[in-house]
PDB file of N, CA and C in Angstrom:
ATOM      1  N   MET A   1     -15.815  -4.741 -13.005  1.00  0.00           N
ATOM      2  CA  MET A   1     -17.184  -4.596 -12.586  1.00  0.00           C
ATOM      3  C   MET A   1     -17.979  -5.797 -13.057  1.00  0.00           C
ATOM      4  N   VAL A   2     -18.937  -6.200 -12.275  1.00  0.00           N
ATOM      5  CA  VAL A   2     -19.766  -7.336 -12.613  1.00  0.00           C
ATOM      6  C   VAL A   2     -20.549  -7.007 -13.876  1.00  0.00           C
ATOM      7  N   GLY A   3     -20.537  -7.936 -14.832  1.00  0.00           N
ATOM      8  CA  GLY A   3     -21.270  -7.738 -16.065  1.00  0.00           C
ATOM      9  C   GLY A   3     -20.645  -6.703 -16.983  1.00  0.00           C
ATOM     10  N   ASN A   4     -19.390  -6.434 -16.834  1.00  0.00           N
ATOM     11  CA  ASN A   4     -18.689  -5.437 -17.628  1.00  0.00           C
ATOM     12  C   ASN A   4     -18.508  -5.958 -19.054  1.00  0.00           C
ATOM     13  N   PRO A   5     -19.203  -5.331 -20.051  1.00  0.00           N
ATOM     14  CA  PRO A   5     -19.069  -5.825 -21.421  1.00  0.00           C
ATOM     15  C   PRO A   5     -17.664  -5.655 -21.975  1.00  0.00           C
ATOM     16  N   ALA A   6     -16.920  -4.674 -21.503  1.00  0.00           N
ATOM     17  CA  ALA A   6     -15.546  -4.487 -21.974  1.00  0.00           C
ATOM     18  C   ALA A   6     -14.680  -5.672 -21.587  1.00  0.00           C
ATOM     19  N   ALA A   7     -14.966  -6.297 -20.459  1.00  0.00           N
ATOM     20  CA  ALA A   7     -14.166  -7.423 -19.992  1.00  0.00           C
ATOM     21  C   ALA A   7     -14.199  -8.572 -20.993  1.00  0.00           C
ATOM     22  N   SER A   8     -15.335  -8.790 -21.643  1.00  0.00           N
ATOM     23  CA  SER A   8     -15.431  -9.885 -22.593  1.00  0.00           C
ATOM     24  C   SER A   8     -14.612  -9.612 -23.851  1.00  0.00           C
ATOM     25  N   ARG A   9     -14.250  -8.363 -24.085  1.00  0.00           N
ATOM     26  CA  ARG A   9     -13.431  -8.008 -25.238  1.00  0.00           C
ATOM     27  C   ARG A   9     -11.972  -7.786 -24.842  1.00  0.00           C
ATOM     28  N   GLY A  10     -11.593  -8.126 -23.616  1.00  0.00           N
ATOM     29  CA  GLY A  10     -10.211  -8.002 -23.184  1.00  0.00           C
ATOM     30  C   GLY A  10      -9.802  -6.601 -22.795  1.00  0.00           C
ATOM     31  N   MET A  11     -10.759  -5.714 -22.592  1.00  0.00           N
ATOM     32  CA  MET A  11     -10.422  -4.337 -22.234  1.00  0.00           C
ATOM     33  C   MET A  11     -10.671  -4.095 -20.755  1.00  0.00           C
ATOM     34  N   LEU A  12      -9.849  -3.228 -20.191  1.00  0.00           N
ATOM     35  CA  LEU A  12     -10.055  -2.803 -18.816  1.00  0.00           C
ATOM     36  C   LEU A  12     -11.157  -1.751 -18.781  1.00  0.00           C
ATOM     37  N   PRO A  13     -11.854  -1.622 -17.656  1.00  0.00           N
ATOM     38  CA  PRO A  13     -12.831  -0.536 -17.518  1.00  0.00           C
ATOM     39  C   PRO A  13     -12.121   0.823 -17.514  1.00  0.00           C
ATOM     40  N   VAL A  14     -12.872   1.869 -17.767  1.00  0.00           N
ATOM     41  CA  VAL A  14     -12.331   3.223 -17.701  1.00  0.00           C
ATOM     42  C   VAL A  14     -11.939   3.505 -16.253  1.00  0.00           C
ATOM     43  N   VAL A  15     -10.764   4.074 -16.064  1.00  0.00           N
ATOM     44  CA  VAL A  15     -10.238   4.371 -14.731  1.00  0.00           C
ATOM     45  C   VAL A  15     -10.550   5.833 -14.404  1.00  0.00           C
ATOM     46  N   PRO A  16     -11.140   6.087 -13.234  1.00  0.00           N
ATOM     47  CA  PRO A  16     -11.480   7.467 -12.870  1.00  0.00           C
ATOM     48  C   PRO A  16     -10.242   8.365 -12.779  1.00  0.00           C
ATOM     49  N   GLU A  17     -10.366   9.561 -13.285  1.00  0.00           N
ATOM     50  CA  GLU A  17      -9.272  10.530 -13.268  1.00  0.00           C
ATOM     51  C   GLU A  17      -8.825  10.847 -11.841  1.00  0.00           C
ATOM     52  N   GLU A  18      -9.772  10.785 -10.906  1.00  0.00           N
ATOM     53  CA  GLU A  18      -9.481  11.123  -9.508  1.00  0.00           C
ATOM     54  C   GLU A  18      -8.425  10.230  -8.874  1.00  0.00           C
ATOM     55  N   LEU A  19      -8.164   9.059  -9.451  1.00  0.00           N
ATOM     56  CA  LEU A  19      -7.136   8.174  -8.895  1.00  0.00           C
ATOM     57  C   LEU A  19      -5.731   8.734  -9.096  1.00  0.00           C
ATOM     58  N   GLY A  20      -5.585   9.654 -10.034  1.00  0.00           N
ATOM     59  CA  GLY A  20      -4.285  10.270 -10.258  1.00  0.00           C
ATOM     60  C   GLY A  20      -3.274   9.354 -10.921  1.00  0.00           C
ATOM     61  N   ILE A  21      -3.739   8.376 -11.678  1.00  0.00           N
ATOM     62  CA  ILE A  21      -2.842   7.465 -12.383  1.00  0.00           C
ATOM     63  C   ILE A  21      -2.397   8.150 -13.680  1.00  0.00           C
ATOM     64  N   ASP A  22      -1.112   8.080 -13.980  1.00  0.00           N
ATOM     65  CA  ASP A  22      -0.552   8.688 -15.180  1.00  0.00           C
ATOM     66  C   ASP A  22      -1.330   8.212 -16.410  1.00  0.00           C
ATOM     67  N   PRO A  23      -1.845   9.135 -17.224  1.00  0.00           N
ATOM     68  CA  PRO A  23      -2.608   8.738 -18.411  1.00  0.00           C
ATOM     69  C   PRO A  23      -1.812   7.884 -19.401  1.00  0.00           C
ATOM     70  N   LEU A  24      -0.512   8.110 -19.513  1.00  0.00           N
ATOM     71  CA  LEU A  24       0.287   7.266 -20.406  1.00  0.00           C
ATOM     72  C   LEU A  24       0.368   5.828 -19.896  1.00  0.00           C
ATOM     73  N   LEU A  25       0.470   5.660 -18.587  1.00  0.00           N
ATOM     74  CA  LEU A  25       0.460   4.317 -18.013  1.00  0.00           C
ATOM     75  C   LEU A  25      -0.881   3.656 -18.293  1.00  0.00           C
ATOM     76  N   LEU A  26      -1.973   4.394 -18.109  1.00  0.00           N
ATOM     77  CA  LEU A  26      -3.296   3.820 -18.363  1.00  0.00           C
ATOM     78  C   LEU A  26      -3.452   3.422 -19.833  1.00  0.00           C
ATOM     79  N   ALA A  27      -2.965   4.266 -20.738  1.00  0.00           N
ATOM     80  CA  ALA A  27      -3.050   3.943 -22.163  1.00  0.00           C
ATOM     81  C   ALA A  27      -2.273   2.656 -22.454  1.00  0.00           C
ATOM     82  N   LEU A  28      -1.078   2.539 -21.895  1.00  0.00           N
ATOM     83  CA  LEU A  28      -0.265   1.347 -22.087  1.00  0.00           C
ATOM     84  C   LEU A  28      -0.962   0.113 -21.510  1.00  0.00           C
ATOM     85  N   LEU A  29      -1.512   0.240 -20.304  1.00  0.00           N
ATOM     86  CA  LEU A  29      -2.205  -0.885 -19.673  1.00  0.00           C
ATOM     87  C   LEU A  29      -3.416  -1.330 -20.481  1.00  0.00           C
ATOM     88  N   HIS A  30      -4.198  -0.366 -20.962  1.00  0.00           N
ATOM     89  CA  HIS A  30      -5.388  -0.721 -21.742  1.00  0.00           C
ATOM     90  C   HIS A  30      -4.995  -1.457 -23.023  1.00  0.00           C
ATOM     91  N   LEU A  31      -3.980  -0.976 -23.696  1.00  0.00           N
ATOM     92  CA  LEU A  31      -3.532  -1.628 -24.920  1.00  0.00           C
ATOM     93  C   LEU A  31      -2.980  -3.024 -24.624  1.00  0.00           C
ATOM     94  N   ALA A  32      -2.118  -3.117 -23.626  1.00  0.00           N
ATOM     95  CA  ALA A  32      -1.519  -4.412 -23.282  1.00  0.00           C
ATOM     96  C   ALA A  32      -2.584  -5.400 -22.805  1.00  0.00           C
ATOM     97  N   ALA A  33      -3.558  -4.932 -22.030  1.00  0.00           N
ATOM     98  CA  ALA A  33      -4.635  -5.814 -21.573  1.00  0.00           C
ATOM     99  C   ALA A  33      -5.452  -6.319 -22.757  1.00  0.00           C
ATOM    100  N   PHE A  34      -5.737  -5.436 -23.712  1.00  0.00           N
ATOM    101  CA  PHE A  34      -6.477  -5.859 -24.893  1.00  0.00           C
ATOM    102  C   PHE A  34      -5.727  -6.962 -25.633  1.00  0.00           C
ATOM    103  N   LEU A  35      -4.425  -6.777 -25.801  1.00  0.00           N
ATOM    104  CA  LEU A  35      -3.628  -7.779 -26.504  1.00  0.00           C
ATOM    105  C   LEU A  35      -3.546  -9.083 -25.723  1.00  0.00           C
ATOM    106  N   ASP A  36      -3.429  -8.987 -24.412  1.00  0.00           N
ATOM    107  CA  ASP A  36      -3.217 -10.171 -23.581  1.00  0.00           C
ATOM    108  C   ASP A  36      -4.511 -10.896 -23.223  1.00  0.00           C
ATOM    109  N   LEU A  37      -5.581 -10.158 -22.989  1.00  0.00           N
ATOM    110  CA  LEU A  37      -6.798 -10.754 -22.448  1.00  0.00           C
ATOM    111  C   LEU A  37      -7.896 -11.019 -23.471  1.00  0.00           C
ATOM    112  N   SER A  38      -7.723 -10.558 -24.705  1.00  0.00           N
ATOM    113  CA  SER A  38      -8.738 -10.807 -25.723  1.00  0.00           C
ATOM    114  C   SER A  38      -8.836 -12.294 -26.025  1.00  0.00           C
ATOM    115  N   ASP A  39     -10.024 -12.720 -26.439  1.00  0.00           N
ATOM    116  CA  ASP A  39     -10.173 -14.128 -26.805  1.00  0.00           C
ATOM    117  C   ASP A  39      -9.407 -14.399 -28.100  1.00  0.00           C
ATOM    118  N   ASP A  40      -9.352 -15.646 -28.495  1.00  0.00           N
ATOM    119  CA  ASP A  40      -8.522 -16.053 -29.629  1.00  0.00           C
ATOM    120  C   ASP A  40      -8.998 -15.519 -30.976  1.00  0.00           C
ATOM    121  N   SER A  41     -10.226 -15.020 -31.046  1.00  0.00           N
ATOM    122  CA  SER A  41     -10.739 -14.570 -32.338  1.00  0.00           C
ATOM    123  C   SER A  41     -10.170 -13.216 -32.760  1.00  0.00           C
ATOM    124  N   SER A  42      -9.671 -12.432 -31.790  1.00  0.00           N
ATOM    125  CA  SER A  42      -9.101 -11.126 -32.146  1.00  0.00           C
ATOM    126  C   SER A  42      -8.296 -10.621 -30.971  1.00  0.00           C
ATOM    127  N   PRO A  43      -7.191 -10.015 -31.140  1.00  0.00           N
ATOM    128  CA  PRO A  43      -6.384  -9.943 -32.356  1.00  0.00           C
ATOM    129  C   PRO A  43      -5.621 -11.236 -32.581  1.00  0.00           C
ATOM    130  N   ASP A  44      -4.855 -11.290 -33.651  1.00  0.00           N
ATOM    131  CA  ASP A  44      -4.033 -12.458 -33.947  1.00  0.00           C
ATOM    132  C   ASP A  44      -3.114 -12.730 -32.759  1.00  0.00           C
ATOM    133  N   ALA A  45      -3.196 -13.943 -32.219  1.00  0.00           N
ATOM    134  CA  ALA A  45      -2.466 -14.277 -30.991  1.00  0.00           C
ATOM    135  C   ALA A  45      -0.952 -14.144 -31.151  1.00  0.00           C
ATOM    136  N   ASP A  46      -0.418 -14.553 -32.282  1.00  0.00           N
ATOM    137  CA  ASP A  46       1.033 -14.460 -32.483  1.00  0.00           C
ATOM    138  C   ASP A  46       1.489 -13.006 -32.552  1.00  0.00           C
ATOM    139  N   ALA A  47       0.739 -12.189 -33.282  1.00  0.00           N
ATOM    140  CA  ALA A  47       1.080 -10.767 -33.391  1.00  0.00           C
ATOM    141  C   ALA A  47       0.933 -10.077 -32.039  1.00  0.00           C
ATOM    142  N   ALA A  48      -0.113 -10.432 -31.297  1.00  0.00           N
ATOM    143  CA  ALA A  48      -0.314  -9.840 -29.968  1.00  0.00           C
ATOM    144  C   ALA A  48       0.838 -10.207 -29.044  1.00  0.00           C
ATOM    145  N   GLY A  49       1.259 -11.460 -29.077  1.00  0.00           N
ATOM    146  CA  GLY A  49       2.376 -11.895 -28.244  1.00  0.00           C
ATOM    147  C   GLY A  49       3.661 -11.157 -28.563  1.00  0.00           C
ATOM    148  N   GLU A  50       3.898 -10.961 -29.844  1.00  0.00           N
ATOM    149  CA  GLU A  50       5.100 -10.236 -30.253  1.00  0.00           C
ATOM    150  C   GLU A  50       5.041  -8.777 -29.799  1.00  0.00           C
ATOM    151  N   ALA A  51       3.882  -8.152 -29.939  1.00  0.00           N
ATOM    152  CA  ALA A  51       3.727  -6.762 -29.485  1.00  0.00           C
ATOM    153  C   ALA A  51       3.945  -6.663 -27.980  1.00  0.00           C
ATOM    154  N   LEU A  52       3.421  -7.627 -27.213  1.00  0.00           N
ATOM    155  CA  LEU A  52       3.601  -7.606 -25.761  1.00  0.00           C
ATOM    156  C   LEU A  52       5.066  -7.799 -25.380  1.00  0.00           C
ATOM    157  N   GLU A  53       5.799  -8.584 -26.135  1.00  0.00           N
ATOM    158  CA  GLU A  53       7.236  -8.733 -25.872  1.00  0.00           C
ATOM    159  C   GLU A  53       7.946  -7.392 -26.032  1.00  0.00           C
ATOM    160  N   HIS A  54       7.557  -6.624 -27.038  1.00  0.00           N
ATOM    161  CA  HIS A  54       8.155  -5.310 -27.238  1.00  0.00           C
ATOM    162  C   HIS A  54       7.792  -4.356 -26.106  1.00  0.00           C
ATOM    163  N   VAL A  55       6.551  -4.424 -25.634  1.00  0.00           N
ATOM    164  CA  VAL A  55       6.156  -3.596 -24.487  1.00  0.00           C
ATOM    165  C   VAL A  55       7.086  -3.901 -23.316  1.00  0.00           C
ATOM    166  N   GLY A  56       7.308  -5.183 -23.049  1.00  0.00           N
ATOM    167  CA  GLY A  56       8.193  -5.575 -21.957  1.00  0.00           C
ATOM    168  C   GLY A  56       9.608  -5.057 -22.131  1.00  0.00           C
ATOM    169  N   LEU A  57      10.133  -5.150 -23.341  1.00  0.00           N
ATOM    170  CA  LEU A  57      11.484  -4.648 -23.605  1.00  0.00           C
ATOM    171  C   LEU A  57      11.596  -3.158 -23.300  1.00  0.00           C
ATOM    172  N   TYR A  58      10.600  -2.389 -23.711  1.00  0.00           N
ATOM    173  CA  TYR A  58      10.664  -0.944 -23.499  1.00  0.00           C
ATOM    174  C   TYR A  58      10.449  -0.582 -22.032  1.00  0.00           C
ATOM    175  N   VAL A  59       9.575  -1.290 -21.349  1.00  0.00           N
ATOM    176  CA  VAL A  59       9.373  -1.020 -19.918  1.00  0.00           C
ATOM    177  C   VAL A  59      10.657  -1.318 -19.153  1.00  0.00           C
ATOM    178  N   GLN A  60      11.404  -2.335 -19.574  1.00  0.00           N
ATOM    179  CA  GLN A  60      12.667  -2.670 -18.915  1.00  0.00           C
ATOM    180  C   GLN A  60      13.709  -1.562 -19.055  1.00  0.00           C
ATOM    181  N   ARG A  61      13.545  -0.685 -20.010  1.00  0.00           N
ATOM    182  CA  ARG A  61      14.492   0.423 -20.203  1.00  0.00           C
ATOM    183  C   ARG A  61      14.245   1.594 -19.259  1.00  0.00           C
ATOM    184  N   LEU A  62      13.132   1.585 -18.547  1.00  0.00           N
ATOM    185  CA  LEU A  62      12.811   2.706 -17.655  1.00  0.00           C
ATOM    186  C   LEU A  62      13.787   2.746 -16.479  1.00  0.00           C
ATOM    187  N   ASP A  63      14.084   3.959 -16.009  1.00  0.00           N
ATOM    188  CA  ASP A  63      14.987   4.082 -14.869  1.00  0.00           C
ATOM    189  C   ASP A  63      14.248   3.769 -13.562  1.00  0.00           C
ATOM    190  N   GLU A  64      15.032   3.546 -12.523  1.00  0.00           N
ATOM    191  CA  GLU A  64      14.497   3.093 -11.234  1.00  0.00           C
ATOM    192  C   GLU A  64      13.445   4.036 -10.640  1.00  0.00           C
ATOM    193  N   PRO A  65      13.670   5.359 -10.628  1.00  0.00           N
ATOM    194  CA  PRO A  65      12.634   6.247 -10.061  1.00  0.00           C
ATOM    195  C   PRO A  65      11.288   6.141 -10.794  1.00  0.00           C
ATOM    196  N   LEU A  66      11.329   6.017 -12.108  1.00  0.00           N
ATOM    197  CA  LEU A  66      10.081   5.893 -12.860  1.00  0.00           C
ATOM    198  C   LEU A  66       9.432   4.544 -12.602  1.00  0.00           C
ATOM    199  N   LEU A  67      10.230   3.503 -12.517  1.00  0.00           N
ATOM    200  CA  LEU A  67       9.668   2.189 -12.190  1.00  0.00           C
ATOM    201  C   LEU A  67       9.020   2.193 -10.810  1.00  0.00           C
ATOM    202  N   ASP A  68       9.640   2.871  -9.859  1.00  0.00           N
ATOM    203  CA  ASP A  68       9.052   2.984  -8.523  1.00  0.00           C
ATOM    204  C   ASP A  68       7.700   3.693  -8.579  1.00  0.00           C
ATOM    205  N   ARG A  69       7.615   4.771  -9.373  1.00  0.00           N
ATOM    206  CA  ARG A  69       6.340   5.489  -9.531  1.00  0.00           C
ATOM    207  C   ARG A  69       5.284   4.595 -10.174  1.00  0.00           C
ATOM    208  N   LEU A  70       5.687   3.853 -11.207  1.00  0.00           N
ATOM    209  CA  LEU A  70       4.743   2.952 -11.863  1.00  0.00           C
ATOM    210  C   LEU A  70       4.247   1.882 -10.901  1.00  0.00           C
ATOM    211  N   GLU A  71       5.149   1.333 -10.107  1.00  0.00           N
ATOM    212  CA  GLU A  71       4.768   0.301  -9.140  1.00  0.00           C
ATOM    213  C   GLU A  71       3.755   0.845  -8.136  1.00  0.00           C
ATOM    214  N   GLU A  72       3.987   2.067  -7.672  1.00  0.00           N
ATOM    215  CA  GLU A  72       3.057   2.687  -6.716  1.00  0.00           C
ATOM    216  C   GLU A  72       1.698   2.912  -7.373  1.00  0.00           C
ATOM    217  N   GLN A  73       1.697   3.394  -8.605  1.00  0.00           N
ATOM    218  CA  GLN A  73       0.433   3.653  -9.303  1.00  0.00           C
ATOM    219  C   GLN A  73      -0.302   2.353  -9.628  1.00  0.00           C
ATOM    220  N   LEU A  74       0.431   1.330  -9.989  1.00  0.00           N
ATOM    221  CA  LEU A  74      -0.199   0.034 -10.241  1.00  0.00           C
ATOM    222  C   LEU A  74      -0.831  -0.522  -8.966  1.00  0.00           C
ATOM    223  N   GLY A  75      -0.191  -0.285  -7.832  1.00  0.00           N
ATOM    224  CA  GLY A  75      -0.767  -0.708  -6.555  1.00  0.00           C
ATOM    225  C   GLY A  75      -2.080   0.002  -6.271  1.00  0.00           C
ATOM    226  N   ARG A  76      -2.112   1.314  -6.510  1.00  0.00           N
ATOM    227  CA  ARG A  76      -3.361   2.072  -6.321  1.00  0.00           C
ATOM    228  C   ARG A  76      -4.442   1.593  -7.278  1.00  0.00           C
ATOM    229  N   LEU A  77      -4.049   1.327  -8.520  1.00  0.00           N
ATOM    230  CA  LEU A  77      -5.014   0.855  -9.504  1.00  0.00           C
ATOM    231  C   LEU A  77      -5.543  -0.520  -9.117  1.00  0.00           C
ATOM    232  N   TYR A  78      -4.677  -1.379  -8.605  1.00  0.00           N
ATOM    233  CA  TYR A  78      -5.124  -2.704  -8.165  1.00  0.00           C
ATOM    234  C   TYR A  78      -6.151  -2.575  -7.036  1.00  0.00           C
ATOM    235  N   GLU A  79      -5.883  -1.709  -6.080  1.00  0.00           N
ATOM    236  CA  GLU A  79      -6.836  -1.519  -4.976  1.00  0.00           C
ATOM    237  C   GLU A  79      -8.173  -1.001  -5.496  1.00  0.00           C
ATOM    238  N   HIS A  80      -8.135  -0.086  -6.460  1.00  0.00           N
ATOM    239  CA  HIS A  80      -9.373   0.404  -7.077  1.00  0.00           C
ATOM    240  C   HIS A  80     -10.098  -0.742  -7.784  1.00  0.00           C
ATOM    241  N   ALA A  81      -9.357  -1.542  -8.543  1.00  0.00           N
ATOM    242  CA  ALA A  81      -9.948  -2.651  -9.283  1.00  0.00           C
ATOM    243  C   ALA A  81     -10.611  -3.648  -8.340  1.00  0.00           C
ATOM    244  N   ARG A  82      -9.974  -3.896  -7.231  1.00  0.00           N
ATOM    245  CA  ARG A  82     -10.553  -4.814  -6.244  1.00  0.00           C
ATOM    246  C   ARG A  82     -11.831  -4.233  -5.654  1.00  0.00           C
ATOM    247  N   ALA A  83     -11.794  -2.946  -5.278  1.00  0.00           N
ATOM    248  CA  ALA A  83     -12.975  -2.302  -4.696  1.00  0.00           C
ATOM    249  C   ALA A  83     -14.115  -2.194  -5.707  1.00  0.00           C
ATOM    250  N   ALA A  84     -13.771  -1.999  -6.987  1.00  0.00           N
ATOM    251  CA  ALA A  84     -14.782  -1.863  -8.039  1.00  0.00           C
ATOM    252  C   ALA A  84     -15.236  -3.221  -8.579  1.00  0.00           C
ATOM    253  N   GLU A  85     -14.667  -4.293  -8.018  1.00  0.00           N
ATOM    254  CA  GLU A  85     -15.024  -5.658  -8.392  1.00  0.00           C
ATOM    255  C   GLU A  85     -14.771  -5.969  -9.866  1.00  0.00           C
ATOM    256  N   TRP A  86     -13.593  -5.517 -10.354  1.00  0.00           N
ATOM    257  CA  TRP A  86     -13.185  -5.911 -11.699  1.00  0.00           C
ATOM    258  C   TRP A  86     -13.033  -7.431 -11.711  1.00  0.00           C
ATOM    259  N   PRO A  87     -13.195  -8.064 -12.853  1.00  0.00           N
ATOM    260  CA  PRO A  87     -12.968  -9.508 -12.934  1.00  0.00           C
ATOM    261  C   PRO A  87     -11.553  -9.870 -12.473  1.00  0.00           C
ATOM    262  N   GLU A  88     -11.417 -11.044 -11.884  1.00  0.00           N
ATOM    263  CA  GLU A  88     -10.133 -11.500 -11.345  1.00  0.00           C
ATOM    264  C   GLU A  88      -9.024 -11.436 -12.387  1.00  0.00           C
ATOM    265  N   GLU A  89      -9.315 -11.820 -13.621  1.00  0.00           N
ATOM    266  CA  GLU A  89      -8.310 -11.807 -14.683  1.00  0.00           C
ATOM    267  C   GLU A  89      -7.743 -10.399 -14.885  1.00  0.00           C
ATOM    268  N   GLN A  90      -8.590  -9.384 -14.814  1.00  0.00           N
ATOM    269  CA  GLN A  90      -8.139  -8.007 -14.982  1.00  0.00           C
ATOM    270  C   GLN A  90      -7.332  -7.543 -13.781  1.00  0.00           C
ATOM    271  N   ARG A  91      -7.755  -7.908 -12.580  1.00  0.00           N
ATOM    272  CA  ARG A  91      -6.995  -7.527 -11.380  1.00  0.00           C
ATOM    273  C   ARG A  91      -5.614  -8.169 -11.410  1.00  0.00           C
ATOM    274  N   GLU A  92      -5.540  -9.431 -11.796  1.00  0.00           N
ATOM    275  CA  GLU A  92      -4.247 -10.112 -11.882  1.00  0.00           C
ATOM    276  C   GLU A  92      -3.360  -9.467 -12.938  1.00  0.00           C
ATOM    277  N   PHE A  93      -3.956  -9.040 -14.052  1.00  0.00           N
ATOM    278  CA  PHE A  93      -3.182  -8.375 -15.097  1.00  0.00           C
ATOM    279  C   PHE A  93      -2.501  -7.134 -14.537  1.00  0.00           C
ATOM    280  N   VAL A  94      -3.243  -6.324 -13.796  1.00  0.00           N
ATOM    281  CA  VAL A  94      -2.683  -5.103 -13.200  1.00  0.00           C
ATOM    282  C   VAL A  94      -1.603  -5.462 -12.183  1.00  0.00           C
ATOM    283  N   ALA A  95      -1.905  -6.424 -11.317  1.00  0.00           N
ATOM    284  CA  ALA A  95      -0.961  -6.801 -10.262  1.00  0.00           C
ATOM    285  C   ALA A  95       0.347  -7.357 -10.835  1.00  0.00           C
ATOM    286  N   ASP A  96       0.270  -8.060 -11.948  1.00  0.00           N
ATOM    287  CA  ASP A  96       1.433  -8.742 -12.516  1.00  0.00           C
ATOM    288  C   ASP A  96       2.083  -7.995 -13.670  1.00  0.00           C
ATOM    289  N   PHE A  97       1.635  -6.769 -13.967  1.00  0.00           N
ATOM    290  CA  PHE A  97       2.099  -6.078 -15.167  1.00  0.00           C
ATOM    291  C   PHE A  97       3.622  -5.957 -15.220  1.00  0.00           C
ATOM    292  N   LEU A  98       4.244  -5.437 -14.183  1.00  0.00           N
ATOM    293  CA  LEU A  98       5.703  -5.259 -14.222  1.00  0.00           C
ATOM    294  C   LEU A  98       6.414  -6.605 -14.297  1.00  0.00           C
ATOM    295  N   TYR A  99       5.934  -7.582 -13.560  1.00  0.00           N
ATOM    296  CA  TYR A  99       6.530  -8.919 -13.627  1.00  0.00           C
ATOM    297  C   TYR A  99       6.418  -9.482 -15.045  1.00  0.00           C
ATOM    298  N   SER A 100       5.265  -9.275 -15.674  1.00  0.00           N
ATOM    299  CA  SER A 100       5.061  -9.752 -17.044  1.00  0.00           C
ATOM    300  C   SER A 100       5.987  -9.046 -18.024  1.00  0.00           C
ATOM    301  N   CYS A 101       6.428  -7.861 -17.653  1.00  0.00           N
ATOM    302  CA  CYS A 101       7.381  -7.109 -18.485  1.00  0.00           C
ATOM    303  C   CYS A 101       8.825  -7.495 -18.184  1.00  0.00           C
ATOM    304  N   GLY A 102       9.028  -8.451 -17.281  1.00  0.00           N
ATOM    305  CA  GLY A 102      10.373  -8.916 -16.971  1.00  0.00           C
ATOM    306  C   GLY A 102      11.029  -8.189 -15.820  1.00  0.00           C
ATOM    307  N   ILE A 103      10.234  -7.518 -14.985  1.00  0.00           N
ATOM    308  CA  ILE A 103      10.776  -6.748 -13.865  1.00  0.00           C
ATOM    309  C   ILE A 103      10.288  -7.368 -12.560  1.00  0.00           C
ATOM    310  N   GLY A 104      11.226  -7.664 -11.670  1.00  0.00           N
ATOM    311  CA  GLY A 104      10.870  -8.191 -10.358  1.00  0.00           C
ATOM    312  C   GLY A 104      10.553  -9.676 -10.398  1.00  0.00           C
ATOM    313  N   GLN A 105       9.998 -10.132  -9.273  1.00  0.00           N
ATOM    314  CA  GLN A 105       9.641 -11.534  -9.123  1.00  0.00           C
ATOM    315  C   GLN A 105       8.148 -11.640  -8.858  1.00  0.00           C
ATOM    316  N   ASP A 106       7.597 -12.767  -9.284  1.00  0.00           N
ATOM    317  CA  ASP A 106       6.210 -13.081  -9.001  1.00  0.00           C
ATOM    318  C   ASP A 106       6.116 -13.476  -7.525  1.00  0.00           C
ATOM    319  N   GLU A 107       5.091 -12.995  -6.841  1.00  0.00           N
ATOM    320  CA  GLU A 107       4.943 -13.328  -5.423  1.00  0.00           C
ATOM    321  C   GLU A 107       4.849 -14.831  -5.215  1.00  0.00           C
ATOM    322  N   GLU A 108       4.242 -15.561  -6.139  1.00  0.00           N
ATOM    323  CA  GLU A 108       4.161 -17.015  -6.009  1.00  0.00           C
ATOM    324  C   GLU A 108       5.538 -17.635  -6.070  1.00  0.00           C
ATOM    325  N   ASP A 109       6.452 -17.066  -6.882  1.00  0.00           N
ATOM    326  CA  ASP A 109       7.826 -17.568  -6.936  1.00  0.00           C
ATOM    327  C   ASP A 109       8.493 -17.427  -5.589  1.00  0.00           C
ATOM    328  N   ASP A 110       8.254 -16.300  -4.896  1.00  0.00           N
ATOM    329  CA  ASP A 110       8.831 -16.083  -3.575  1.00  0.00           C
ATOM    330  C   ASP A 110       8.341 -17.123  -2.586  1.00  0.00           C
ATOM    331  N   ASP A 111       7.062 -17.514  -2.680  1.00  0.00           N
ATOM    332  CA  ASP A 111       6.489 -18.473  -1.757  1.00  0.00           C
ATOM    333  C   ASP A 111       7.092 -19.868  -1.947  1.00  0.00           C
ATOM    334  N   ARG A 112       7.541 -20.181  -3.165  1.00  0.00           N
ATOM    335  CA  ARG A 112       8.088 -21.510  -3.454  1.00  0.00           C
ATOM    336  C   ARG A 112       9.552 -21.625  -3.081  1.00  0.00           C
ATOM    337  N   SER A 113      10.226 -20.520  -2.816  1.00  0.00           N
ATOM    338  CA  SER A 113      11.670 -20.556  -2.511  1.00  0.00           C
ATOM    339  C   SER A 113      11.945 -21.131  -1.159  1.00  0.00           C
TER     340      SER A 113
END
């Protein structure tokens, strides 16, 4: 959202319950976004990077049906973020979450092939 004070602290806006996004996925996204999108003053960048690597490792352990559900929910969340005019950095974070966790390919990589 335009002028969203949470965005300056690396946090995603609150997601409406009506979207039907799994609350555990939202909790994970909010935490990962905070670690990834916060400015350099907080949290410690090295510790945040290490924590995000662990998030990626654990997401990679999910089975295919659950990954498919997460991908579908992330798509719905991205569409909501676009309609709600979330900052571009936050929309990209949602769109690239699984790729950032080591799953799939980045669409830009596909374009360069």
